[in-house]
PDB file of all heavy atoms in Angstrom:
ATOM      1  N   LEU A   1     -50.264  -8.043-116.608  1.00  0.00           N
ATOM      2  CA  LEU A   1     -48.987  -7.301-116.972  1.00  0.00           C
ATOM      3  C   LEU A   1     -48.497  -8.148-118.186  1.00  0.00           C
ATOM      4  O   LEU A   1     -48.588  -9.412-118.217  1.00  0.00           O
ATOM      5  CB  LEU A   1     -48.076  -7.427-115.877  1.00  0.00           C
ATOM      6  CG  LEU A   1     -48.370  -6.689-114.550  1.00  0.00           C
ATOM      7  CD1 LEU A   1     -47.280  -6.750-113.551  1.00  0.00           C
ATOM      8  CD2 LEU A   1     -48.658  -5.149-114.882  1.00  0.00           C
ATOM      9  N   PRO A   2     -47.692  -7.450-119.120  1.00  0.00           N
ATOM     10  CA  PRO A   2     -46.953  -8.208-120.068  1.00  0.00           C
ATOM     11  C   PRO A   2     -46.028  -9.117-119.422  1.00  0.00           C
ATOM     12  O   PRO A   2     -45.429  -8.917-118.344  1.00  0.00           O
ATOM     13  CB  PRO A   2     -46.250  -7.092-120.785  1.00  0.00           C
ATOM     14  CG  PRO A   2     -47.032  -5.846-120.644  1.00  0.00           C
ATOM     15  CD  PRO A   2     -47.630  -6.053-119.195  1.00  0.00           C
ATOM     16  N   ALA A   3     -45.796 -10.412-120.072  1.00  0.00           N
ATOM     17  CA  ALA A   3     -45.108 -11.382-119.387  1.00  0.00           C
ATOM     18  C   ALA A   3     -43.612 -10.918-118.968  1.00  0.00           C
ATOM     19  O   ALA A   3     -43.163 -11.305-117.892  1.00  0.00           O
ATOM     20  CB  ALA A   3     -45.032 -12.677-120.263  1.00  0.00           C
ATOM     21  N   LYS A   4     -42.953 -10.218-119.839  1.00  0.00           N
ATOM     22  CA  LYS A   4     -41.590  -9.765-119.677  1.00  0.00           C
ATOM     23  C   LYS A   4     -41.622  -8.855-118.382  1.00  0.00           C
ATOM     24  O   LYS A   4     -40.720  -8.921-117.440  1.00  0.00           O
ATOM     25  CB  LYS A   4     -41.027  -9.097-120.740  1.00  0.00           C
ATOM     26  CG  LYS A   4     -39.526  -8.549-120.684  1.00  0.00           C
ATOM     27  CD  LYS A   4     -38.599  -9.687-120.408  1.00  0.00           C
ATOM     28  CE  LYS A   4     -37.207  -9.226-120.466  1.00  0.00           C
ATOM     29  NZ  LYS A   4     -36.215 -10.185-119.996  1.00  0.00           N
ATOM     30  N   VAL A   5     -42.544  -7.918-118.324  1.00  0.00           N
ATOM     31  CA  VAL A   5     -42.587  -6.982-117.129  1.00  0.00           C
ATOM     32  C   VAL A   5     -42.828  -7.789-115.886  1.00  0.00           C
ATOM     33  O   VAL A   5     -42.134  -7.604-114.872  1.00  0.00           O
ATOM     34  CB  VAL A   5     -43.620  -6.018-117.312  1.00  0.00           C
ATOM     35  CG1 VAL A   5     -43.872  -5.055-116.127  1.00  0.00           C
ATOM     36  CG2 VAL A   5     -43.405  -5.056-118.546  1.00  0.00           C
ATOM     37  N   GLU A   6     -43.807  -8.645-115.814  1.00  0.00           N
ATOM     38  CA  GLU A   6     -44.105  -9.432-114.607  1.00  0.00           C
ATOM     39  C   GLU A   6     -42.927 -10.268-114.218  1.00  0.00           C
ATOM     40  O   GLU A   6     -42.638 -10.328-113.009  1.00  0.00           O
ATOM     41  CB  GLU A   6     -45.272 -10.266-114.940  1.00  0.00           C
ATOM     42  CG  GLU A   6     -45.763 -11.081-113.666  1.00  0.00           C
ATOM     43  CD  GLU A   6     -47.020 -11.696-113.909  1.00  0.00           C
ATOM     44  OE1 GLU A   6     -47.924 -11.231-114.559  1.00  0.00           O
ATOM     45  OE2 GLU A   6     -47.236 -12.761-113.141  1.00  0.00           O
ATOM     46  N   SER A   7     -42.233 -10.940-115.138  1.00  0.00           N
ATOM     47  CA  SER A   7     -41.138 -11.848-114.830  1.00  0.00           C
ATOM     48  C   SER A   7     -39.970 -11.023-114.188  1.00  0.00           C
ATOM     49  O   SER A   7     -39.384 -11.498-113.149  1.00  0.00           O
ATOM     50  CB  SER A   7     -40.559 -12.590-115.934  1.00  0.00           C
ATOM     51  OG  SER A   7     -40.048 -11.795-116.942  1.00  0.00           O
ATOM     52  N   GLU A   8     -39.731  -9.896-114.644  1.00  0.00           N
ATOM     53  CA  GLU A   8     -38.582  -9.161-114.072  1.00  0.00           C
ATOM     54  C   GLU A   8     -38.966  -8.518-112.701  1.00  0.00           C
ATOM     55  O   GLU A   8     -38.134  -8.559-111.797  1.00  0.00           O
ATOM     56  CB  GLU A   8     -38.269  -7.995-114.904  1.00  0.00           C
ATOM     57  CG  GLU A   8     -37.536  -8.394-116.193  1.00  0.00           C
ATOM     58  CD  GLU A   8     -36.722  -7.360-117.004  1.00  0.00           C
ATOM     59  OE1 GLU A   8     -36.570  -6.260-116.431  1.00  0.00           O
ATOM     60  OE2 GLU A   8     -36.413  -7.613-118.120  1.00  0.00           O
ATOM     61  N   ILE A   9     -40.210  -8.229-112.450  1.00  0.00           N
ATOM     62  CA  ILE A   9     -40.742  -7.799-111.159  1.00  0.00           C
ATOM     63  C   ILE A   9     -40.647  -8.931-110.111  1.00  0.00           C
ATOM     64  O   ILE A   9     -40.246  -8.835-109.049  1.00  0.00           O
ATOM     65  CB  ILE A   9     -42.076  -7.170-111.181  1.00  0.00           C
ATOM     66  CG1 ILE A   9     -42.095  -5.966-112.050  1.00  0.00           C
ATOM     67  CG2 ILE A   9     -42.636  -6.909-109.781  1.00  0.00           C
ATOM     68  CD1 ILE A   9     -43.408  -5.371-112.425  1.00  0.00           C
ATOM     69  N   VAL A  10     -40.999 -10.101-110.593  1.00  0.00           N
ATOM     70  CA  VAL A  10     -40.998 -11.313-109.646  1.00  0.00           C
ATOM     71  C   VAL A  10     -39.605 -11.669-109.326  1.00  0.00           C
ATOM     72  O   VAL A  10     -39.303 -11.971-108.141  1.00  0.00           O
ATOM     73  CB  VAL A  10     -41.729 -12.589-110.378  1.00  0.00           C
ATOM     74  CG1 VAL A  10     -41.527 -13.720-109.602  1.00  0.00           C
ATOM     75  CG2 VAL A  10     -43.211 -12.314-110.572  1.00  0.00           C
ATOM     76  N   GLU A  11     -38.677 -11.546-110.255  1.00  0.00           N
ATOM     77  CA  GLU A  11     -37.245 -11.778-109.940  1.00  0.00           C
ATOM     78  C   GLU A  11     -36.706 -10.710-108.942  1.00  0.00           C
ATOM     79  O   GLU A  11     -36.026 -11.139-108.001  1.00  0.00           O
ATOM     80  CB  GLU A  11     -36.465 -11.872-111.272  1.00  0.00           C
ATOM     81  CG  GLU A  11     -34.983 -12.131-111.001  1.00  0.00           C
ATOM     82  CD  GLU A  11     -34.093 -11.964-112.298  1.00  0.00           C
ATOM     83  OE1 GLU A  11     -34.733 -11.828-113.465  1.00  0.00           O
ATOM     84  OE2 GLU A  11     -32.911 -11.980-112.179  1.00  0.00           O
ATOM     85  N   ALA A  12     -37.040  -9.529-109.129  1.00  0.00           N
ATOM     86  CA  ALA A  12     -36.509  -8.472-108.321  1.00  0.00           C
ATOM     87  C   ALA A  12     -37.084  -8.623-106.997  1.00  0.00           C
ATOM     88  O   ALA A  12     -36.356  -8.353-105.893  1.00  0.00           O
ATOM     89  CB  ALA A  12     -36.893  -7.090-108.878  1.00  0.00           C
ATOM     90  N   HIS A  13     -38.408  -8.919-106.838  1.00  0.00           N
ATOM     91  CA  HIS A  13     -38.979  -9.163-105.520  1.00  0.00           C
ATOM     92  C   HIS A  13     -38.215 -10.271-104.686  1.00  0.00           C
ATOM     93  O   HIS A  13     -38.025 -10.074-103.545  1.00  0.00           O
ATOM     94  CB  HIS A  13     -40.451  -9.552-105.783  1.00  0.00           C
ATOM     95  CG  HIS A  13     -41.222  -9.807-104.411  1.00  0.00           C
ATOM     96  ND1 HIS A  13     -41.254 -11.009-103.832  1.00  0.00           N
ATOM     97  CD2 HIS A  13     -42.031  -8.973-103.716  1.00  0.00           C
ATOM     98  CE1 HIS A  13     -41.933 -10.908-102.722  1.00  0.00           C
ATOM     99  NE2 HIS A  13     -42.548  -9.672-102.704  1.00  0.00           N
ATOM    100  N   ALA A  14     -37.975 -11.309-105.475  1.00  0.00           N
ATOM    101  CA  ALA A  14     -37.215 -12.463-104.772  1.00  0.00           C
ATOM    102  C   ALA A  14     -35.842 -12.002-104.267  1.00  0.00           C
ATOM    103  O   ALA A  14     -35.435 -12.425-103.154  1.00  0.00           O
ATOM    104  CB  ALA A  14     -37.092 -13.674-105.677  1.00  0.00           C
ATOM    105  N   ARG A  15     -35.213 -11.199-105.000  1.00  0.00           N
ATOM    106  CA  ARG A  15     -33.920 -10.734-104.602  1.00  0.00           C
ATOM    107  C   ARG A  15     -33.937  -9.759-103.464  1.00  0.00           C
ATOM    108  O   ARG A  15     -33.069  -9.824-102.556  1.00  0.00           O
ATOM    109  CB  ARG A  15     -33.174 -10.081-105.814  1.00  0.00           C
ATOM    110  CG  ARG A  15     -32.811 -11.007-106.909  1.00  0.00           C
ATOM    111  CD  ARG A  15     -32.139 -10.364-108.096  1.00  0.00           C
ATOM    112  NE  ARG A  15     -30.904  -9.692-107.718  1.00  0.00           N
ATOM    113  CZ  ARG A  15     -30.177  -8.852-108.503  1.00  0.00           C
ATOM    114  NH1 ARG A  15     -30.635  -8.523-109.611  1.00  0.00           N
ATOM    115  NH2 ARG A  15     -29.009  -8.344-108.055  1.00  0.00           N
ATOM    116  N   LEU A  16     -34.962  -8.971-103.474  1.00  0.00           N
ATOM    117  CA  LEU A  16     -35.103  -7.920-102.317  1.00  0.00           C
ATOM    118  C   LEU A  16     -35.462  -8.636-101.103  1.00  0.00           C
ATOM    119  O   LEU A  16     -34.994  -8.326-100.038  1.00  0.00           O
ATOM    120  CB  LEU A  16     -36.171  -6.916-102.757  1.00  0.00           C
ATOM    121  CG  LEU A  16     -36.398  -5.767-101.695  1.00  0.00           C
ATOM    122  CD1 LEU A  16     -35.269  -5.002-101.408  1.00  0.00           C
ATOM    123  CD2 LEU A  16     -37.542  -4.979-102.126  1.00  0.00           C
ATOM    124  N   CYS A  17     -36.365  -9.657-101.108  1.00  0.00           N
ATOM    125  CA  CYS A  17     -36.818 -10.342 -99.938  1.00  0.00           C
ATOM    126  C   CYS A  17     -35.920 -11.296 -99.385  1.00  0.00           C
ATOM    127  O   CYS A  17     -36.019 -11.743 -98.186  1.00  0.00           O
ATOM    128  CB  CYS A  17     -38.344 -10.759-100.140  1.00  0.00           C
ATOM    129  SG  CYS A  17     -39.495  -9.616-100.447  1.00  0.00           S
ATOM    130  N   GLY A  18     -35.126 -11.908-100.299  1.00  0.00           N
ATOM    131  CA  GLY A  18     -34.172 -12.981 -99.887  1.00  0.00           C
ATOM    132  C   GLY A  18     -34.971 -14.212 -99.319  1.00  0.00           C
ATOM    133  O   GLY A  18     -35.973 -14.641-100.034  1.00  0.00           O
ATOM    134  N   ALA A  19     -34.470 -14.736 -98.222  1.00  0.00           N
ATOM    135  CA  ALA A  19     -35.077 -16.094 -97.740  1.00  0.00           C
ATOM    136  C   ALA A  19     -36.484 -15.785 -97.329  1.00  0.00           C
ATOM    137  O   ALA A  19     -37.289 -16.831 -97.196  1.00  0.00           O
ATOM    138  CB  ALA A  19     -34.170 -16.544 -96.593  1.00  0.00           C
ATOM    139  N   ASP A  20     -36.949 -14.587 -96.920  1.00  0.00           N
ATOM    140  CA  ASP A  20     -38.281 -14.334 -96.460  1.00  0.00           C
ATOM    141  C   ASP A  20     -39.072 -13.723 -97.561  1.00  0.00           C
ATOM    142  O   ASP A  20     -39.159 -12.565 -97.831  1.00  0.00           O
ATOM    143  CB  ASP A  20     -38.154 -13.439 -95.225  1.00  0.00           C
ATOM    144  CG  ASP A  20     -39.581 -13.168 -94.651  1.00  0.00           C
ATOM    145  OD1 ASP A  20     -40.590 -13.803 -95.073  1.00  0.00           O
ATOM    146  OD2 ASP A  20     -39.660 -12.322 -93.701  1.00  0.00           O
ATOM    147  N   SER A  21     -39.745 -14.619 -98.297  1.00  0.00           N
ATOM    148  CA  SER A  21     -40.482 -14.221 -99.503  1.00  0.00           C
ATOM    149  C   SER A  21     -41.665 -13.389 -99.143  1.00  0.00           C
ATOM    150  O   SER A  21     -42.278 -12.710 -99.996  1.00  0.00           O
ATOM    151  CB  SER A  21     -40.888 -15.412-100.248  1.00  0.00           C
ATOM    152  OG  SER A  21     -41.890 -16.272 -99.489  1.00  0.00           O
ATOM    153  N   ASP A  22     -42.176 -13.494 -97.765  1.00  0.00           N
ATOM    154  CA  ASP A  22     -43.180 -12.561 -97.374  1.00  0.00           C
ATOM    155  C   ASP A  22     -42.735 -11.343 -96.598  1.00  0.00           C
ATOM    156  O   ASP A  22     -43.552 -10.826 -95.818  1.00  0.00           O
ATOM    157  CB  ASP A  22     -44.197 -13.429 -96.490  1.00  0.00           C
ATOM    158  CG  ASP A  22     -45.064 -14.241 -97.342  1.00  0.00           C
ATOM    159  OD1 ASP A  22     -45.230 -14.023 -98.543  1.00  0.00           O
ATOM    160  OD2 ASP A  22     -45.485 -15.394 -96.804  1.00  0.00           O
ATOM    161  N   ALA A  23     -41.538 -11.031 -96.694  1.00  0.00           N
ATOM    162  CA  ALA A  23     -41.049  -9.762 -95.938  1.00  0.00           C
ATOM    163  C   ALA A  23     -41.935  -8.518 -96.413  1.00  0.00           C
ATOM    164  O   ALA A  23     -42.270  -8.406 -97.578  1.00  0.00           O
ATOM    165  CB  ALA A  23     -39.595  -9.530 -96.385  1.00  0.00           C
ATOM    166  N   PRO A  24     -42.300  -7.841 -95.383  1.00  0.00           N
ATOM    167  CA  PRO A  24     -43.159  -6.659 -95.697  1.00  0.00           C
ATOM    168  C   PRO A  24     -42.413  -5.513 -96.390  1.00  0.00           C
ATOM    169  O   PRO A  24     -41.382  -5.141 -96.254  1.00  0.00           O
ATOM    170  CB  PRO A  24     -43.566  -6.169 -94.212  1.00  0.00           C
ATOM    171  CG  PRO A  24     -42.408  -6.614 -93.437  1.00  0.00           C
ATOM    172  CD  PRO A  24     -41.966  -7.938 -93.894  1.00  0.00           C
ATOM    173  N   LEU A  25     -43.195  -5.106 -97.417  1.00  0.00           N
ATOM    174  CA  LEU A  25     -42.757  -4.074 -98.316  1.00  0.00           C
ATOM    175  C   LEU A  25     -43.591  -2.831 -98.340  1.00  0.00           C
ATOM    176  O   LEU A  25     -44.771  -2.894 -98.037  1.00  0.00           O
ATOM    177  CB  LEU A  25     -42.570  -4.591 -99.689  1.00  0.00           C
ATOM    178  CG  LEU A  25     -41.806  -5.928 -99.844  1.00  0.00           C
ATOM    179  CD1 LEU A  25     -41.856  -6.313-101.340  1.00  0.00           C
ATOM    180  CD2 LEU A  25     -40.222  -5.677 -99.447  1.00  0.00           C
ATOM    181  N   ALA A  26     -43.026  -1.736 -98.714  1.00  0.00           N
ATOM    182  CA  ALA A  26     -43.753  -0.507 -99.041  1.00  0.00           C
ATOM    183  C   ALA A  26     -43.638  -0.409-100.615  1.00  0.00           C
ATOM    184  O   ALA A  26     -42.756  -0.454-101.249  1.00  0.00           O
ATOM    185  CB  ALA A  26     -43.194   0.714 -98.444  1.00  0.00           C
ATOM    186  N   VAL A  27     -44.927  -0.196-101.139  1.00  0.00           N
ATOM    187  CA  VAL A  27     -45.069  -0.097-102.657  1.00  0.00           C
ATOM    188  C   VAL A  27     -45.595   1.456-102.854  1.00  0.00           C
ATOM    189  O   VAL A  27     -46.710   1.742-102.381  1.00  0.00           O
ATOM    190  CB  VAL A  27     -45.999  -1.152-103.246  1.00  0.00           C
ATOM    191  CG1 VAL A  27     -46.110  -0.881-104.884  1.00  0.00           C
ATOM    192  CG2 VAL A  27     -45.525  -2.412-102.926  1.00  0.00           C
ATOM    193  N   ARG A  28     -44.793   2.170-103.549  1.00  0.00           N
ATOM    194  CA  ARG A  28     -45.118   3.691-103.539  1.00  0.00           C
ATOM    195  C   ARG A  28     -45.049   4.255-104.935  1.00  0.00           C
ATOM    196  O   ARG A  28     -44.042   4.020-105.705  1.00  0.00           O
ATOM    197  CB  ARG A  28     -44.049   4.287-102.638  1.00  0.00           C
ATOM    198  CG  ARG A  28     -43.811   3.871-101.301  1.00  0.00           C
ATOM    199  CD  ARG A  28     -42.647   4.274-100.528  1.00  0.00           C
ATOM    200  NE  ARG A  28     -42.832   5.687-100.142  1.00  0.00           N
ATOM    201  CZ  ARG A  28     -41.821   6.536 -99.702  1.00  0.00           C
ATOM    202  NH1 ARG A  28     -40.628   6.053 -99.733  1.00  0.00           N
ATOM    203  NH2 ARG A  28     -42.044   7.671 -99.376  1.00  0.00           N
ATOM    204  N   SER A  29     -46.033   5.048-105.302  1.00  0.00           N
ATOM    205  CA  SER A  29     -46.008   5.732-106.614  1.00  0.00           C
ATOM    206  C   SER A  29     -44.848   6.568-106.778  1.00  0.00           C
ATOM    207  O   SER A  29     -44.383   7.289-105.818  1.00  0.00           O
ATOM    208  CB  SER A  29     -47.357   6.467-106.720  1.00  0.00           C
ATOM    209  OG  SER A  29     -48.454   5.699-106.648  1.00  0.00           O
ATOM    210  N   SER A  30     -44.356   6.735-107.998  1.00  0.00           N
ATOM    211  CA  SER A  30     -43.261   7.626-108.329  1.00  0.00           C
ATOM    212  C   SER A  30     -43.363   8.222-109.637  1.00  0.00           C
ATOM    213  O   SER A  30     -42.730   7.756-110.631  1.00  0.00           O
ATOM    214  CB  SER A  30     -41.932   6.960-108.205  1.00  0.00           C
ATOM    215  OG  SER A  30     -40.851   7.773-108.343  1.00  0.00           O
ATOM    216  N   ALA A  31     -44.361   9.248-109.781  1.00  0.00           N
ATOM    217  CA  ALA A  31     -44.631   9.825-111.088  1.00  0.00           C
ATOM    218  C   ALA A  31     -43.525  10.772-111.527  1.00  0.00           C
ATOM    219  O   ALA A  31     -42.854  11.368-110.878  1.00  0.00           O
ATOM    220  CB  ALA A  31     -45.962  10.623-111.032  1.00  0.00           C
ATOM    221  N   THR A  32     -43.278  10.825-112.909  1.00  0.00           N
ATOM    222  CA  THR A  32     -42.224  11.661-113.370  1.00  0.00           C
ATOM    223  C   THR A  32     -42.556  13.180-113.215  1.00  0.00           C
ATOM    224  O   THR A  32     -41.646  13.951-113.092  1.00  0.00           O
ATOM    225  CB  THR A  32     -42.082  11.451-114.945  1.00  0.00           C
ATOM    226  OG1 THR A  32     -43.477  11.689-115.586  1.00  0.00           O
ATOM    227  CG2 THR A  32     -41.711  10.032-115.299  1.00  0.00           C
ATOM    228  N   SER A  33     -43.803  13.542-113.060  1.00  0.00           N
ATOM    229  CA  SER A  33     -44.139  14.896-112.744  1.00  0.00           C
ATOM    230  C   SER A  33     -44.183  15.314-111.241  1.00  0.00           C
ATOM    231  O   SER A  33     -44.501  16.497-110.947  1.00  0.00           O
ATOM    232  CB  SER A  33     -45.539  15.130-113.340  1.00  0.00           C
ATOM    233  OG  SER A  33     -46.440  14.209-112.909  1.00  0.00           O
ATOM    234  N   GLU A  34     -43.920  14.393-110.327  1.00  0.00           N
ATOM    235  CA  GLU A  34     -44.047  14.789-109.002  1.00  0.00           C
ATOM    236  C   GLU A  34     -42.677  15.242-108.314  1.00  0.00           C
ATOM    237  O   GLU A  34     -41.706  15.026-108.803  1.00  0.00           O
ATOM    238  CB  GLU A  34     -44.459  13.474-108.121  1.00  0.00           C
ATOM    239  CG  GLU A  34     -43.417  12.487-107.954  1.00  0.00           C
ATOM    240  CD  GLU A  34     -43.869  11.236-107.139  1.00  0.00           C
ATOM    241  OE1 GLU A  34     -45.095  11.117-106.895  1.00  0.00           O
ATOM    242  OE2 GLU A  34     -43.101  10.403-106.775  1.00  0.00           O
TER     243      GLU A  34
END
């Protein structure tokens, strides 16, 4: 991934998971045409 894209995702992941960095997540496609 481009560095800026990856860094923002890493930061958002940390905020969403909080103290539990391994909190289970769902990762789901969201196409503009769907």
